[in-house]
Amino acid sequence: RARAIEAASMDPKVQKGIARLNEYLEGVTKNDAGQLPTVLRVLELMTPNLDLSLKALAVVFDFVQDVAQCRQVVVKHGGIKDIVTAMGVHYESVGLQTYGVGCLYALSCYRADNPEKDNNS
């Protein structure tokens, strides 16, 4: 899958799509919590692309660092797996690792058994 994305990345249409995703991720703010599932989907599908993965993780981090409901969304949408996958693919990227660890730390405070007792808010 990574090779297919890498090979396709030379296609002008794909480059345009990547540029649009970058623009989208740069425009998402903390006030747009409803966009979190879409950001997680970008992270899942575009993991081989370091720039998109880094930007998506930065957005996820902004959401999960202090909003319990956002941590619930990430857990329910399988975001932990996507975060760990991106960290494994881009193990040499200090920036991506920093955001990934920050996300995982914030998510470790989420209590699926009792979201009201989430201890990071």
PDB file of N, CA and C in Angstrom:
ATOM      1  N   ARG A   1       0.828  -1.189   0.000  1.00  0.00           N
ATOM      2  CA  ARG A   1       0.000   0.000   0.000  1.00  0.00           C
ATOM      3  C   ARG A   1       0.873   1.254   0.000  1.00  0.00           C
ATOM      4  N   ALA A   2       1.943   1.244   0.811  1.00  0.00           N
ATOM      5  CA  ALA A   2       2.829   2.412   0.867  1.00  0.00           C
ATOM      6  C   ALA A   2       3.484   2.667  -0.480  1.00  0.00           C
ATOM      7  N   ARG A   3       3.888   1.607  -1.153  1.00  0.00           N
ATOM      8  CA  ARG A   3       4.525   1.763  -2.471  1.00  0.00           C
ATOM      9  C   ARG A   3       3.531   2.306  -3.495  1.00  0.00           C
ATOM     10  N   ALA A   4       2.305   1.836  -3.408  1.00  0.00           N
ATOM     11  CA  ALA A   4       1.284   2.312  -4.344  1.00  0.00           C
ATOM     12  C   ALA A   4       1.029   3.800  -4.145  1.00  0.00           C
ATOM     13  N   ILE A   5       0.958   4.229  -2.894  1.00  0.00           N
ATOM     14  CA  ILE A   5       0.747   5.654  -2.610  1.00  0.00           C
ATOM     15  C   ILE A   5       1.958   6.457  -3.058  1.00  0.00           C
ATOM     16  N   GLU A   6       3.154   5.930  -2.794  1.00  0.00           N
ATOM     17  CA  GLU A   6       4.379   6.627  -3.200  1.00  0.00           C
ATOM     18  C   GLU A   6       4.448   6.768  -4.723  1.00  0.00           C
ATOM     19  N   ALA A   7       4.125   5.692  -5.441  1.00  0.00           N
ATOM     20  CA  ALA A   7       4.162   5.728  -6.899  1.00  0.00           C
ATOM     21  C   ALA A   7       3.103   6.677  -7.445  1.00  0.00           C
ATOM     22  N   ALA A   8       1.938   6.656  -6.846  1.00  0.00           N
ATOM     23  CA  ALA A   8       0.851   7.523  -7.300  1.00  0.00           C
ATOM     24  C   ALA A   8       1.103   8.982  -6.961  1.00  0.00           C
ATOM     25  N   SER A   9       1.976   9.241  -5.997  1.00  0.00           N
ATOM     26  CA  SER A   9       2.205  10.623  -5.562  1.00  0.00           C
ATOM     27  C   SER A   9       2.815  11.492  -6.661  1.00  0.00           C
ATOM     28  N   MET A  10       3.339  10.881  -7.702  1.00  0.00           N
ATOM     29  CA  MET A  10       3.884  11.645  -8.817  1.00  0.00           C
ATOM     30  C   MET A  10       2.782  12.140  -9.753  1.00  0.00           C
ATOM     31  N   ASP A  11       1.619  11.541  -9.674  1.00  0.00           N
ATOM     32  CA  ASP A  11       0.481  11.924 -10.508  1.00  0.00           C
ATOM     33  C   ASP A  11       0.003  13.318 -10.095  1.00  0.00           C
ATOM     34  N   PRO A  12      -0.150  14.236 -11.039  1.00  0.00           N
ATOM     35  CA  PRO A  12      -0.600  15.598 -10.710  1.00  0.00           C
ATOM     36  C   PRO A  12      -1.935  15.640  -9.978  1.00  0.00           C
ATOM     37  N   LYS A  13      -2.836  14.718 -10.290  1.00  0.00           N
ATOM     38  CA  LYS A  13      -4.128  14.680  -9.598  1.00  0.00           C
ATOM     39  C   LYS A  13      -3.942  14.305  -8.132  1.00  0.00           C
ATOM     40  N   VAL A  14      -3.043  13.364  -7.883  1.00  0.00           N
ATOM     41  CA  VAL A  14      -2.764  12.953  -6.503  1.00  0.00           C
ATOM     42  C   VAL A  14      -2.089  14.093  -5.759  1.00  0.00           C
ATOM     43  N   GLN A  15      -1.148  14.760  -6.417  1.00  0.00           N
ATOM     44  CA  GLN A  15      -0.483  15.896  -5.787  1.00  0.00           C
ATOM     45  C   GLN A  15      -1.485  16.980  -5.424  1.00  0.00           C
ATOM     46  N   LYS A  16      -2.441  17.202  -6.290  1.00  0.00           N
ATOM     47  CA  LYS A  16      -3.478  18.198  -6.018  1.00  0.00           C
ATOM     48  C   LYS A  16      -4.330  17.758  -4.825  1.00  0.00           C
ATOM     49  N   GLY A  17      -4.655  16.469  -4.764  1.00  0.00           N
ATOM     50  CA  GLY A  17      -5.422  15.937  -3.638  1.00  0.00           C
ATOM     51  C   GLY A  17      -4.668  16.070  -2.329  1.00  0.00           C
ATOM     52  N   ILE A  18      -3.365  15.787  -2.362  1.00  0.00           N
ATOM     53  CA  ILE A  18      -2.535  15.932  -1.162  1.00  0.00           C
ATOM     54  C   ILE A  18      -2.485  17.389  -0.726  1.00  0.00           C
ATOM     55  N   ALA A  19      -2.370  18.288  -1.675  1.00  0.00           N
ATOM     56  CA  ALA A  19      -2.362  19.724  -1.355  1.00  0.00           C
ATOM     57  C   ALA A  19      -3.685  20.129  -0.710  1.00  0.00           C
ATOM     58  N   ARG A  20      -4.791  19.591  -1.216  1.00  0.00           N
ATOM     59  CA  ARG A  20      -6.096  19.920  -0.638  1.00  0.00           C
ATOM     60  C   ARG A  20      -6.230  19.361   0.775  1.00  0.00           C
ATOM     61  N   LEU A  21      -5.701  18.157   1.008  1.00  0.00           N
ATOM     62  CA  LEU A  21      -5.734  17.595   2.360  1.00  0.00           C
ATOM     63  C   LEU A  21      -4.885  18.424   3.313  1.00  0.00           C
ATOM     64  N   ASN A  22      -3.712  18.867   2.832  1.00  0.00           N
ATOM     65  CA  ASN A  22      -2.870  19.739   3.656  1.00  0.00           C
ATOM     66  C   ASN A  22      -3.618  21.013   4.030  1.00  0.00           C
ATOM     67  N   GLU A  23      -4.258  21.597   3.034  1.00  0.00           N
ATOM     68  CA  GLU A  23      -5.030  22.824   3.265  1.00  0.00           C
ATOM     69  C   GLU A  23      -6.160  22.568   4.269  1.00  0.00           C
ATOM     70  N   TYR A  24      -6.841  21.449   4.115  1.00  0.00           N
ATOM     71  CA  TYR A  24      -7.912  21.087   5.036  1.00  0.00           C
ATOM     72  C   TYR A  24      -7.384  20.973   6.465  1.00  0.00           C
ATOM     73  N   LEU A  25      -6.299  20.209   6.634  1.00  0.00           N
ATOM     74  CA  LEU A  25      -5.745  19.997   7.979  1.00  0.00           C
ATOM     75  C   LEU A  25      -5.270  21.297   8.608  1.00  0.00           C
ATOM     76  N   GLU A  26      -4.700  22.181   7.814  1.00  0.00           N
ATOM     77  CA  GLU A  26      -4.236  23.461   8.336  1.00  0.00           C
ATOM     78  C   GLU A  26      -5.393  24.349   8.774  1.00  0.00           C
ATOM     79  N   GLY A  27      -6.584  24.122   8.207  1.00  0.00           N
ATOM     80  CA  GLY A  27      -7.735  24.949   8.530  1.00  0.00           C
ATOM     81  C   GLY A  27      -8.573  24.453   9.703  1.00  0.00           C
ATOM     82  N   VAL A  28      -8.327  23.227  10.165  1.00  0.00           N
ATOM     83  CA  VAL A  28      -9.112  22.678  11.273  1.00  0.00           C
ATOM     84  C   VAL A  28      -8.637  23.316  12.580  1.00  0.00           C
ATOM     85  N   THR A  29      -9.598  23.799  13.369  1.00  0.00           N
ATOM     86  CA  THR A  29      -9.265  24.402  14.663  1.00  0.00           C
ATOM     87  C   THR A  29      -9.952  23.634  15.786  1.00  0.00           C
ATOM     88  N   LYS A  30      -9.587  23.955  17.017  1.00  0.00           N
ATOM     89  CA  LYS A  30     -10.176  23.298  18.183  1.00  0.00           C
ATOM     90  C   LYS A  30     -11.691  23.483  18.240  1.00  0.00           C
ATOM     91  N   ASN A  31     -12.185  24.512  17.613  1.00  0.00           N
ATOM     92  CA  ASN A  31     -13.630  24.758  17.601  1.00  0.00           C
ATOM     93  C   ASN A  31     -14.356  23.825  16.634  1.00  0.00           C
ATOM     94  N   ASP A  32     -13.610  23.062  15.847  1.00  0.00           N
ATOM     95  CA  ASP A  32     -14.177  22.170  14.837  1.00  0.00           C
ATOM     96  C   ASP A  32     -14.123  20.710  15.277  1.00  0.00           C
ATOM     97  N   ALA A  33     -14.493  20.424  16.514  1.00  0.00           N
ATOM     98  CA  ALA A  33     -14.377  19.056  17.041  1.00  0.00           C
ATOM     99  C   ALA A  33     -15.140  18.042  16.197  1.00  0.00           C
ATOM    100  N   GLY A  34     -16.167  18.476  15.485  1.00  0.00           N
ATOM    101  CA  GLY A  34     -16.909  17.576  14.612  1.00  0.00           C
ATOM    102  C   GLY A  34     -16.078  17.064  13.446  1.00  0.00           C
ATOM    103  N   GLN A  35     -14.935  17.697  13.200  1.00  0.00           N
ATOM    104  CA  GLN A  35     -14.049  17.276  12.111  1.00  0.00           C
ATOM    105  C   GLN A  35     -13.101  16.150  12.524  1.00  0.00           C
ATOM    106  N   LEU A  36     -13.076  15.830  13.807  1.00  0.00           N
ATOM    107  CA  LEU A  36     -12.116  14.832  14.299  1.00  0.00           C
ATOM    108  C   LEU A  36     -12.229  13.480  13.583  1.00  0.00           C
ATOM    109  N   PRO A  37     -13.418  12.921  13.343  1.00  0.00           N
ATOM    110  CA  PRO A  37     -13.474  11.653  12.600  1.00  0.00           C
ATOM    111  C   PRO A  37     -12.851  11.752  11.206  1.00  0.00           C
ATOM    112  N   THR A  38     -13.024  12.886  10.545  1.00  0.00           N
ATOM    113  CA  THR A  38     -12.434  13.075   9.219  1.00  0.00           C
ATOM    114  C   THR A  38     -10.917  13.138   9.314  1.00  0.00           C
ATOM    115  N   VAL A  39     -10.410  13.840  10.317  1.00  0.00           N
ATOM    116  CA  VAL A  39      -8.960  13.924  10.516  1.00  0.00           C
ATOM    117  C   VAL A  39      -8.386  12.542  10.792  1.00  0.00           C
ATOM    118  N   LEU A  40      -9.077  11.752  11.593  1.00  0.00           N
ATOM    119  CA  LEU A  40      -8.620  10.387  11.862  1.00  0.00           C
ATOM    120  C   LEU A  40      -8.616   9.541  10.592  1.00  0.00           C
ATOM    121  N   ARG A  41      -9.580   9.762   9.739  1.00  0.00           N
ATOM    122  CA  ARG A  41      -9.635   9.020   8.468  1.00  0.00           C
ATOM    123  C   ARG A  41      -8.464   9.419   7.563  1.00  0.00           C
ATOM    124  N   VAL A  42      -8.133  10.707   7.545  1.00  0.00           N
ATOM    125  CA  VAL A  42      -6.966  11.163   6.778  1.00  0.00           C
ATOM    126  C   VAL A  42      -5.709  10.476   7.317  1.00  0.00           C
ATOM    127  N   LEU A  43      -5.573  10.433   8.634  1.00  0.00           N
ATOM    128  CA  LEU A  43      -4.410   9.777   9.241  1.00  0.00           C
ATOM    129  C   LEU A  43      -4.361   8.306   8.833  1.00  0.00           C
ATOM    130  N   GLU A  44      -5.492   7.630   8.885  1.00  0.00           N
ATOM    131  CA  GLU A  44      -5.539   6.206   8.541  1.00  0.00           C
ATOM    132  C   GLU A  44      -5.145   5.963   7.086  1.00  0.00           C
ATOM    133  N   LEU A  45      -5.723   6.731   6.183  1.00  0.00           N
ATOM    134  CA  LEU A  45      -5.512   6.488   4.754  1.00  0.00           C
ATOM    135  C   LEU A  45      -4.184   7.020   4.227  1.00  0.00           C
ATOM    136  N   MET A  46      -3.682   8.060   4.833  1.00  0.00           N
ATOM    137  CA  MET A  46      -2.484   8.714   4.298  1.00  0.00           C
ATOM    138  C   MET A  46      -1.249   8.518   5.178  1.00  0.00           C
ATOM    139  N   THR A  47      -1.243   7.490   5.996  1.00  0.00           N
ATOM    140  CA  THR A  47      -0.111   7.223   6.885  1.00  0.00           C
ATOM    141  C   THR A  47       1.237   7.221   6.157  1.00  0.00           C
ATOM    142  N   PRO A  48       1.350   6.671   4.947  1.00  0.00           N
ATOM    143  CA  PRO A  48       2.662   6.680   4.295  1.00  0.00           C
ATOM    144  C   PRO A  48       3.211   8.082   4.002  1.00  0.00           C
ATOM    145  N   ASN A  49       2.349   9.083   3.967  1.00  0.00           N
ATOM    146  CA  ASN A  49       2.777  10.446   3.676  1.00  0.00           C
ATOM    147  C   ASN A  49       3.137  11.141   4.990  1.00  0.00           C
ATOM    148  N   LEU A  50       4.412  11.381   5.211  1.00  0.00           N
ATOM    149  CA  LEU A  50       4.884  11.961   6.470  1.00  0.00           C
ATOM    150  C   LEU A  50       4.245  13.305   6.753  1.00  0.00           C
ATOM    151  N   ASP A  51       4.198  14.183   5.781  1.00  0.00           N
ATOM    152  CA  ASP A  51       3.672  15.526   6.012  1.00  0.00           C
ATOM    153  C   ASP A  51       2.209  15.479   6.449  1.00  0.00           C
ATOM    154  N   LEU A  52       1.397  14.694   5.755  1.00  0.00           N
ATOM    155  CA  LEU A  52      -0.015  14.594   6.125  1.00  0.00           C
ATOM    156  C   LEU A  52      -0.188  13.920   7.477  1.00  0.00           C
ATOM    157  N   SER A  53       0.594  12.890   7.739  1.00  0.00           N
ATOM    158  CA  SER A  53       0.511  12.207   9.034  1.00  0.00           C
ATOM    159  C   SER A  53       0.873  13.154  10.167  1.00  0.00           C
ATOM    160  N   LEU A  54       1.920  13.925   9.974  1.00  0.00           N
ATOM    161  CA  LEU A  54       2.357  14.877  10.997  1.00  0.00           C
ATOM    162  C   LEU A  54       1.282  15.925  11.262  1.00  0.00           C
ATOM    163  N   LYS A  55       0.719  16.473  10.200  1.00  0.00           N
ATOM    164  CA  LYS A  55      -0.329  17.492  10.372  1.00  0.00           C
ATOM    165  C   LYS A  55      -1.577  16.898  11.005  1.00  0.00           C
ATOM    166  N   ALA A  56      -1.961  15.700  10.587  1.00  0.00           N
ATOM    167  CA  ALA A  56      -3.142  15.069  11.170  1.00  0.00           C
ATOM    168  C   ALA A  56      -2.930  14.788  12.654  1.00  0.00           C
ATOM    169  N   LEU A  57      -1.752  14.301  13.017  1.00  0.00           N
ATOM    170  CA  LEU A  57      -1.479  14.031  14.432  1.00  0.00           C
ATOM    171  C   LEU A  57      -1.449  15.318  15.248  1.00  0.00           C
ATOM    172  N   ALA A  58      -0.939  16.387  14.672  1.00  0.00           N
ATOM    173  CA  ALA A  58      -0.934  17.673  15.372  1.00  0.00           C
ATOM    174  C   ALA A  58      -2.365  18.118  15.667  1.00  0.00           C
ATOM    175  N   VAL A  59      -3.261  17.916  14.707  1.00  0.00           N
ATOM    176  CA  VAL A  59      -4.666  18.279  14.912  1.00  0.00           C
ATOM    177  C   VAL A  59      -5.291  17.390  15.981  1.00  0.00           C
ATOM    178  N   VAL A  60      -5.048  16.086  15.892  1.00  0.00           N
ATOM    179  CA  VAL A  60      -5.589  15.163  16.889  1.00  0.00           C
ATOM    180  C   VAL A  60      -5.089  15.562  18.276  1.00  0.00           C
ATOM    181  N   PHE A  61      -3.813  15.876  18.383  1.00  0.00           N
ATOM    182  CA  PHE A  61      -3.248  16.282  19.679  1.00  0.00           C
ATOM    183  C   PHE A  61      -3.958  17.512  20.218  1.00  0.00           C
ATOM    184  N   ASP A  62      -4.200  18.495  19.363  1.00  0.00           N
ATOM    185  CA  ASP A  62      -4.910  19.699  19.810  1.00  0.00           C
ATOM    186  C   ASP A  62      -6.266  19.347  20.408  1.00  0.00           C
ATOM    187  N   PHE A  63      -6.939  18.372  19.820  1.00  0.00           N
ATOM    188  CA  PHE A  63      -8.255  17.987  20.317  1.00  0.00           C
ATOM    189  C   PHE A  63      -8.186  17.178  21.608  1.00  0.00           C
ATOM    190  N   VAL A  64      -7.294  16.209  21.678  1.00  0.00           N
ATOM    191  CA  VAL A  64      -7.328  15.260  22.804  1.00  0.00           C
ATOM    192  C   VAL A  64      -6.613  15.746  24.053  1.00  0.00           C
ATOM    193  N   GLN A  65      -5.805  16.779  23.948  1.00  0.00           N
ATOM    194  CA  GLN A  65      -5.010  17.156  25.116  1.00  0.00           C
ATOM    195  C   GLN A  65      -5.857  17.664  26.279  1.00  0.00           C
ATOM    196  N   ASP A  66      -7.030  18.232  25.999  1.00  0.00           N
ATOM    197  CA  ASP A  66      -7.822  18.700  27.136  1.00  0.00           C
ATOM    198  C   ASP A  66      -9.332  18.612  26.951  1.00  0.00           C
ATOM    199  N   VAL A  67      -9.794  17.804  26.027  1.00  0.00           N
ATOM    200  CA  VAL A  67     -11.238  17.665  25.806  1.00  0.00           C
ATOM    201  C   VAL A  67     -11.610  16.179  25.870  1.00  0.00           C
ATOM    202  N   ALA A  68     -12.266  15.792  26.961  1.00  0.00           N
ATOM    203  CA  ALA A  68     -12.609  14.385  27.179  1.00  0.00           C
ATOM    204  C   ALA A  68     -13.465  13.824  26.050  1.00  0.00           C
ATOM    205  N   GLN A  69     -14.408  14.602  25.540  1.00  0.00           N
ATOM    206  CA  GLN A  69     -15.269  14.099  24.473  1.00  0.00           C
ATOM    207  C   GLN A  69     -14.457  13.759  23.224  1.00  0.00           C
ATOM    208  N   CYS A  70     -13.421  14.505  22.969  1.00  0.00           N
ATOM    209  CA  CYS A  70     -12.572  14.221  21.806  1.00  0.00           C
ATOM    210  C   CYS A  70     -11.783  12.938  22.017  1.00  0.00           C
ATOM    211  N   ARG A  71     -11.372  12.691  23.241  1.00  0.00           N
ATOM    212  CA  ARG A  71     -10.685  11.423  23.522  1.00  0.00           C
ATOM    213  C   ARG A  71     -11.639  10.258  23.275  1.00  0.00           C
ATOM    214  N   GLN A  72     -12.910  10.428  23.622  1.00  0.00           N
ATOM    215  CA  GLN A  72     -13.908   9.395  23.373  1.00  0.00           C
ATOM    216  C   GLN A  72     -14.041   9.133  21.871  1.00  0.00           C
ATOM    217  N   VAL A  73     -14.071  10.189  21.086  1.00  0.00           N
ATOM    218  CA  VAL A  73     -14.205  10.054  19.630  1.00  0.00           C
ATOM    219  C   VAL A  73     -13.017   9.279  19.058  1.00  0.00           C
ATOM    220  N   VAL A  74     -11.815   9.621  19.499  1.00  0.00           N
ATOM    221  CA  VAL A  74     -10.616   8.938  18.986  1.00  0.00           C
ATOM    222  C   VAL A  74     -10.672   7.455  19.319  1.00  0.00           C
ATOM    223  N   VAL A  75     -11.022   7.129  20.543  1.00  0.00           N
ATOM    224  CA  VAL A  75     -11.094   5.726  20.943  1.00  0.00           C
ATOM    225  C   VAL A  75     -12.168   4.990  20.141  1.00  0.00           C
ATOM    226  N   LYS A  76     -13.339   5.593  19.997  1.00  0.00           N
ATOM    227  CA  LYS A  76     -14.450   4.938  19.290  1.00  0.00           C
ATOM    228  C   LYS A  76     -14.174   4.752  17.795  1.00  0.00           C
ATOM    229  N   HIS A  77     -13.346   5.601  17.220  1.00  0.00           N
ATOM    230  CA  HIS A  77     -13.039   5.502  15.785  1.00  0.00           C
ATOM    231  C   HIS A  77     -11.742   4.739  15.512  1.00  0.00           C
ATOM    232  N   GLY A  78     -11.180   4.076  16.498  1.00  0.00           N
ATOM    233  CA  GLY A  78      -9.972   3.284  16.283  1.00  0.00           C
ATOM    234  C   GLY A  78      -8.721   4.117  16.076  1.00  0.00           C
ATOM    235  N   GLY A  79      -8.743   5.339  16.578  1.00  0.00           N
ATOM    236  CA  GLY A  79      -7.625   6.254  16.373  1.00  0.00           C
ATOM    237  C   GLY A  79      -6.330   5.843  17.041  1.00  0.00           C
ATOM    238  N   ILE A  80      -6.422   5.090  18.131  1.00  0.00           N
ATOM    239  CA  ILE A  80      -5.192   4.662  18.806  1.00  0.00           C
ATOM    240  C   ILE A  80      -4.353   3.812  17.861  1.00  0.00           C
ATOM    241  N   LYS A  81      -4.999   2.891  17.173  1.00  0.00           N
ATOM    242  CA  LYS A  81      -4.284   2.035  16.205  1.00  0.00           C
ATOM    243  C   LYS A  81      -3.635   2.881  15.116  1.00  0.00           C
ATOM    244  N   ASP A  82      -4.354   3.880  14.628  1.00  0.00           N
ATOM    245  CA  ASP A  82      -3.823   4.729  13.564  1.00  0.00           C
ATOM    246  C   ASP A  82      -2.642   5.567  14.046  1.00  0.00           C
ATOM    247  N   ILE A  83      -2.712   6.037  15.273  1.00  0.00           N
ATOM    248  CA  ILE A  83      -1.598   6.809  15.853  1.00  0.00           C
ATOM    249  C   ILE A  83      -0.360   5.929  15.961  1.00  0.00           C
ATOM    250  N   VAL A  84      -0.534   4.736  16.505  1.00  0.00           N
ATOM    251  CA  VAL A  84       0.602   3.814  16.671  1.00  0.00           C
ATOM    252  C   VAL A  84       1.162   3.402  15.312  1.00  0.00           C
ATOM    253  N   THR A  85       0.296   3.169  14.345  1.00  0.00           N
ATOM    254  CA  THR A  85       0.759   2.805  12.998  1.00  0.00           C
ATOM    255  C   THR A  85       1.594   3.925  12.397  1.00  0.00           C
ATOM    256  N   ALA A  86       1.113   5.168  12.491  1.00  0.00           N
ATOM    257  CA  ALA A  86       1.869   6.307  11.951  1.00  0.00           C
ATOM    258  C   ALA A  86       3.222   6.433  12.644  1.00  0.00           C
ATOM    259  N   MET A  87       3.243   6.207  13.952  1.00  0.00           N
ATOM    260  CA  MET A  87       4.510   6.282  14.685  1.00  0.00           C
ATOM    261  C   MET A  87       5.475   5.194  14.221  1.00  0.00           C
ATOM    262  N   GLY A  88       4.946   4.007  13.924  1.00  0.00           N
ATOM    263  CA  GLY A  88       5.806   2.920  13.453  1.00  0.00           C
ATOM    264  C   GLY A  88       6.344   3.172  12.053  1.00  0.00           C
ATOM    265  N   VAL A  89       5.507   3.733  11.200  1.00  0.00           N
ATOM    266  CA  VAL A  89       5.927   4.006   9.820  1.00  0.00           C
ATOM    267  C   VAL A  89       6.962   5.133   9.781  1.00  0.00           C
ATOM    268  N   HIS A  90       6.774   6.144  10.608  1.00  0.00           N
ATOM    269  CA  HIS A  90       7.645   7.329  10.586  1.00  0.00           C
ATOM    270  C   HIS A  90       8.471   7.424  11.874  1.00  0.00           C
ATOM    271  N   TYR A  91       9.105   6.311  12.232  1.00  0.00           N
ATOM    272  CA  TYR A  91       9.848   6.239  13.482  1.00  0.00           C
ATOM    273  C   TYR A  91      11.025   7.209  13.546  1.00  0.00           C
ATOM    274  N   GLU A  92      11.476   7.725  12.414  1.00  0.00           N
ATOM    275  CA  GLU A  92      12.614   8.653  12.414  1.00  0.00           C
ATOM    276  C   GLU A  92      12.194  10.111  12.539  1.00  0.00           C
ATOM    277  N   SER A  93      10.899  10.384  12.507  1.00  0.00           N
ATOM    278  CA  SER A  93      10.412  11.758  12.587  1.00  0.00           C
ATOM    279  C   SER A  93      10.178  12.150  14.045  1.00  0.00           C
ATOM    280  N   VAL A  94      11.031  13.006  14.555  1.00  0.00           N
ATOM    281  CA  VAL A  94      10.918  13.445  15.943  1.00  0.00           C
ATOM    282  C   VAL A  94       9.602  14.184  16.165  1.00  0.00           C
ATOM    283  N   GLY A  95       9.213  15.021  15.219  1.00  0.00           N
ATOM    284  CA  GLY A  95       7.968  15.774  15.356  1.00  0.00           C
ATOM    285  C   GLY A  95       6.757  14.865  15.431  1.00  0.00           C
ATOM    286  N   LEU A  96       6.704  13.881  14.541  1.00  0.00           N
ATOM    287  CA  LEU A  96       5.580  12.957  14.544  1.00  0.00           C
ATOM    288  C   LEU A  96       5.570  12.124  15.821  1.00  0.00           C
ATOM    289  N   GLN A  97       6.730  11.676  16.263  1.00  0.00           N
ATOM    290  CA  GLN A  97       6.807  10.900  17.501  1.00  0.00           C
ATOM    291  C   GLN A  97       6.332  11.732  18.698  1.00  0.00           C
ATOM    292  N   THR A  98       6.692  13.004  18.705  1.00  0.00           N
ATOM    293  CA  THR A  98       6.297  13.886  19.807  1.00  0.00           C
ATOM    294  C   THR A  98       4.779  14.020  19.872  1.00  0.00           C
ATOM    295  N   TYR A  99       4.161  14.289  18.725  1.00  0.00           N
ATOM    296  CA  TYR A  99       2.696  14.382  18.704  1.00  0.00           C
ATOM    297  C   TYR A  99       2.053  13.042  19.033  1.00  0.00           C
ATOM    298  N   GLY A 100       2.618  11.958  18.508  1.00  0.00           N
ATOM    299  CA  GLY A 100       2.060  10.637  18.775  1.00  0.00           C
ATOM    300  C   GLY A 100       2.084  10.281  20.246  1.00  0.00           C
ATOM    301  N   VAL A 101       3.214  10.521  20.894  1.00  0.00           N
ATOM    302  CA  VAL A 101       3.326  10.235  22.325  1.00  0.00           C
ATOM    303  C   VAL A 101       2.385  11.142  23.115  1.00  0.00           C
ATOM    304  N   GLY A 102       2.287  12.406  22.713  1.00  0.00           N
ATOM    305  CA  GLY A 102       1.367  13.322  23.388  1.00  0.00           C
ATOM    306  C   GLY A 102      -0.073  12.845  23.282  1.00  0.00           C
ATOM    307  N   CYS A 103      -0.456  12.382  22.100  1.00  0.00           N
ATOM    308  CA  CYS A 103      -1.812  11.850  21.907  1.00  0.00           C
ATOM    309  C   CYS A 103      -2.035  10.619  22.774  1.00  0.00           C
ATOM    310  N   LEU A 104      -1.072   9.703  22.752  1.00  0.00           N
ATOM    311  CA  LEU A 104      -1.224   8.474  23.529  1.00  0.00           C
ATOM    312  C   LEU A 104      -1.283   8.767  25.025  1.00  0.00           C
ATOM    313  N   TYR A 105      -0.497   9.732  25.478  1.00  0.00           N
ATOM    314  CA  TYR A 105      -0.549  10.103  26.899  1.00  0.00           C
ATOM    315  C   TYR A 105      -1.935  10.644  27.251  1.00  0.00           C
ATOM    316  N   ALA A 106      -2.444  11.575  26.443  1.00  0.00           N
ATOM    317  CA  ALA A 106      -3.767  12.141  26.704  1.00  0.00           C
ATOM    318  C   ALA A 106      -4.838  11.055  26.655  1.00  0.00           C
ATOM    319  N   LEU A 107      -4.716  10.151  25.698  1.00  0.00           N
ATOM    320  CA  LEU A 107      -5.699   9.074  25.578  1.00  0.00           C
ATOM    321  C   LEU A 107      -5.605   8.078  26.721  1.00  0.00           C
ATOM    322  N   SER A 108      -4.443   7.970  27.355  1.00  0.00           N
ATOM    323  CA  SER A 108      -4.303   7.044  28.480  1.00  0.00           C
ATOM    324  C   SER A 108      -5.143   7.500  29.674  1.00  0.00           C
ATOM    325  N   CYS A 109      -5.554   8.746  29.667  1.00  0.00           N
ATOM    326  CA  CYS A 109      -6.383   9.271  30.743  1.00  0.00           C
ATOM    327  C   CYS A 109      -7.866   9.008  30.518  1.00  0.00           C
ATOM    328  N   TYR A 110      -8.225   8.531  29.324  1.00  0.00           N
ATOM    329  CA  TYR A 110      -9.630   8.280  28.998  1.00  0.00           C
ATOM    330  C   TYR A 110     -10.116   7.025  29.693  1.00  0.00           C
ATOM    331  N   ARG A 111     -11.260   7.113  30.316  1.00  0.00           N
ATOM    332  CA  ARG A 111     -11.853   5.969  31.009  1.00  0.00           C
ATOM    333  C   ARG A 111     -13.078   5.503  30.242  1.00  0.00           C
ATOM    334  N   ALA A 112     -12.921   4.495  29.429  1.00  0.00           N
ATOM    335  CA  ALA A 112     -14.040   3.987  28.633  1.00  0.00           C
ATOM    336  C   ALA A 112     -15.165   3.476  29.535  1.00  0.00           C
ATOM    337  N   ASP A 113     -14.799   2.968  30.706  1.00  0.00           N
ATOM    338  CA  ASP A 113     -15.814   2.448  31.624  1.00  0.00           C
ATOM    339  C   ASP A 113     -16.616   3.569  32.284  1.00  0.00           C
ATOM    340  N   ASN A 114     -16.028   4.774  32.351  1.00  0.00           N
ATOM    341  CA  ASN A 114     -16.713   5.884  32.994  1.00  0.00           C
ATOM    342  C   ASN A 114     -16.137   7.201  32.486  1.00  0.00           C
ATOM    343  N   PRO A 115     -16.589   7.666  31.307  1.00  0.00           N
ATOM    344  CA  PRO A 115     -16.026   8.867  30.715  1.00  0.00           C
ATOM    345  C   PRO A 115     -16.119  10.108  31.613  1.00  0.00           C
ATOM    346  N   GLU A 116     -17.088  10.118  32.538  1.00  0.00           N
ATOM    347  CA  GLU A 116     -17.195  11.264  33.435  1.00  0.00           C
ATOM    348  C   GLU A 116     -16.012  11.348  34.391  1.00  0.00           C
ATOM    349  N   LYS A 117     -15.311  10.240  34.592  1.00  0.00           N
ATOM    350  CA  LYS A 117     -14.154  10.228  35.480  1.00  0.00           C
ATOM    351  C   LYS A 117     -12.847  10.328  34.716  1.00  0.00           C
ATOM    352  N   ASP A 118     -12.934  10.750  33.469  1.00  0.00           N
ATOM    353  CA  ASP A 118     -11.742  10.994  32.664  1.00  0.00           C
ATOM    354  C   ASP A 118     -10.843  11.916  33.482  1.00  0.00           C
ATOM    355  N   ASN A 119      -9.611  11.520  33.737  1.00  0.00           N
ATOM    356  CA  ASN A 119      -8.786  12.263  34.689  1.00  0.00           C
ATOM    357  C   ASN A 119      -7.775  13.206  34.054  1.00  0.00           C
ATOM    358  N   ASN A 120      -8.055  13.685  32.857  1.00  0.00           N
ATOM    359  CA  ASN A 120      -7.136  14.633  32.240  1.00  0.00           C
ATOM    360  C   ASN A 120      -7.826  15.968  31.973  1.00  0.00           C
ATOM    361  N   SER A 121      -9.116  16.067  32.333  1.00  0.00           N
ATOM    362  CA  SER A 121      -9.857  17.307  32.059  1.00  0.00           C
ATOM    363  C   SER A 121      -9.877  18.183  33.289  1.00  0.00           C
TER     364      SER A 121
END
